[in-house]
Amino acid sequence: MSNSDNKELIDRYLVAYNSFDIDGMLALLSSGVRFENYSGGATH
């Protein structure tokens, strides 16, 4: 994957993250990735 491909993927992830679009975020990740949200010392 080229640097421009990596940047595009990261940019797409950040747009989804900032839009609270969990499905959009997960669509960009490998199926083996486990998403966990840590906030204030707790997992959400």
N, C-alpha and C. Protein backbone atom coordinates (compact mmCIF):
# COMPACT_ATOMS: atom_id res chain seq x y z
N MET A 1 0.85 -1.16 0.00
CA MET A 1 0.00 0.00 0.00
C MET A 1 0.90 1.24 0.00
N SER A 2 0.61 2.18 -0.87
CA SER A 2 1.44 3.39 -0.97
C SER A 2 1.11 4.37 0.15
N ASN A 3 1.98 5.34 0.32
CA ASN A 3 1.74 6.37 1.34
C ASN A 3 0.45 7.12 1.07
N SER A 4 0.14 7.40 -0.19
CA SER A 4 -1.10 8.11 -0.49
C SER A 4 -2.32 7.23 -0.20
N ASP A 5 -2.20 5.91 -0.43
CA ASP A 5 -3.28 4.99 -0.07
C ASP A 5 -3.48 4.96 1.44
N ASN A 6 -2.36 4.93 2.17
CA ASN A 6 -2.44 4.94 3.64
C ASN A 6 -3.11 6.21 4.14
N LYS A 7 -2.73 7.35 3.58
CA LYS A 7 -3.31 8.63 4.00
C LYS A 7 -4.80 8.66 3.71
N GLU A 8 -5.20 8.18 2.53
CA GLU A 8 -6.62 8.16 2.18
C GLU A 8 -7.40 7.28 3.15
N LEU A 9 -6.87 6.11 3.49
CA LEU A 9 -7.53 5.21 4.42
C LEU A 9 -7.67 5.86 5.80
N ILE A 10 -6.61 6.49 6.27
CA ILE A 10 -6.65 7.17 7.57
C ILE A 10 -7.64 8.32 7.54
N ASP A 11 -7.63 9.09 6.46
CA ASP A 11 -8.58 10.20 6.34
C ASP A 11 -10.02 9.71 6.37
N ARG A 12 -10.30 8.62 5.66
CA ARG A 12 -11.65 8.05 5.66
C ARG A 12 -12.04 7.57 7.05
N TYR A 13 -11.10 6.95 7.75
CA TYR A 13 -11.37 6.48 9.12
C TYR A 13 -11.69 7.66 10.03
N LEU A 14 -10.90 8.73 9.93
CA LEU A 14 -11.11 9.90 10.80
C LEU A 14 -12.45 10.58 10.52
N VAL A 15 -12.85 10.65 9.26
CA VAL A 15 -14.16 11.21 8.93
C VAL A 15 -15.26 10.36 9.57
N ALA A 16 -15.15 9.06 9.46
CA ALA A 16 -16.15 8.17 10.07
C ALA A 16 -16.12 8.31 11.59
N TYR A 17 -14.94 8.36 12.18
CA TYR A 17 -14.80 8.50 13.64
C TYR A 17 -15.44 9.79 14.12
N ASN A 18 -15.13 10.89 13.46
CA ASN A 18 -15.65 12.19 13.87
C ASN A 18 -17.15 12.33 13.63
N SER A 19 -17.71 11.46 12.78
CA SER A 19 -19.14 11.46 12.51
C SER A 19 -19.88 10.42 13.36
N PHE A 20 -19.14 9.77 14.27
CA PHE A 20 -19.71 8.70 15.11
C PHE A 20 -20.31 7.59 14.25
N ASP A 21 -19.68 7.33 13.09
CA ASP A 21 -20.12 6.31 12.14
C ASP A 21 -19.34 5.03 12.41
N ILE A 22 -19.81 4.25 13.37
CA ILE A 22 -19.11 3.02 13.77
C ILE A 22 -19.03 2.03 12.61
N ASP A 23 -20.14 1.86 11.88
CA ASP A 23 -20.12 0.94 10.74
C ASP A 23 -19.10 1.37 9.70
N GLY A 24 -19.02 2.69 9.45
CA GLY A 24 -18.03 3.21 8.50
C GLY A 24 -16.62 2.97 8.97
N MET A 25 -16.38 3.10 10.27
CA MET A 25 -15.05 2.84 10.82
C MET A 25 -14.69 1.38 10.67
N LEU A 26 -15.61 0.52 11.08
CA LEU A 26 -15.33 -0.92 11.05
C LEU A 26 -15.18 -1.45 9.64
N ALA A 27 -15.84 -0.83 8.67
CA ALA A 27 -15.74 -1.28 7.27
C ALA A 27 -14.32 -1.11 6.74
N LEU A 28 -13.54 -0.22 7.35
CA LEU A 28 -12.18 0.05 6.89
C LEU A 28 -11.14 -0.84 7.58
N LEU A 29 -11.56 -1.61 8.57
CA LEU A 29 -10.63 -2.43 9.34
C LEU A 29 -10.71 -3.89 8.93
N SER A 30 -9.65 -4.61 9.19
CA SER A 30 -9.62 -6.05 8.97
C SER A 30 -10.63 -6.73 9.89
N SER A 31 -11.18 -7.84 9.45
CA SER A 31 -12.20 -8.54 10.25
C SER A 31 -11.64 -9.04 11.58
N GLY A 32 -10.32 -9.17 11.70
CA GLY A 32 -9.73 -9.65 12.95
C GLY A 32 -9.48 -8.57 13.98
N VAL A 33 -9.78 -7.32 13.63
CA VAL A 33 -9.55 -6.21 14.56
C VAL A 33 -10.68 -6.15 15.57
N ARG A 34 -10.32 -5.95 16.82
CA ARG A 34 -11.31 -5.79 17.88
C ARG A 34 -11.32 -4.31 18.29
N PHE A 35 -12.48 -3.68 18.17
CA PHE A 35 -12.61 -2.27 18.51
C PHE A 35 -13.10 -2.14 19.94
N GLU A 36 -12.35 -1.39 20.75
CA GLU A 36 -12.75 -1.10 22.13
C GLU A 36 -12.58 0.38 22.37
N ASN A 37 -13.50 0.97 23.08
CA ASN A 37 -13.45 2.39 23.40
C ASN A 37 -13.18 2.54 24.89
N TYR A 38 -12.05 3.12 25.22
CA TYR A 38 -11.68 3.37 26.61
C TYR A 38 -11.85 4.85 26.92
N SER A 39 -12.58 5.14 27.97
CA SER A 39 -12.81 6.52 28.36
C SER A 39 -12.92 6.58 29.88
N GLY A 40 -12.14 7.44 30.50
CA GLY A 40 -12.20 7.58 31.95
C GLY A 40 -11.85 6.30 32.68
N GLY A 41 -10.97 5.49 32.09
CA GLY A 41 -10.54 4.25 32.73
C GLY A 41 -11.52 3.09 32.60
N ALA A 42 -12.60 3.27 31.82
CA ALA A 42 -13.58 2.22 31.64
C ALA A 42 -13.72 1.89 30.15
N THR A 43 -14.07 0.64 29.87
CA THR A 43 -14.34 0.20 28.51
C THR A 43 -15.82 0.42 28.19
N HIS A 44 -16.08 1.00 27.03
CA HIS A 44 -17.47 1.25 26.61
C HIS A 44 -17.77 0.49 25.36
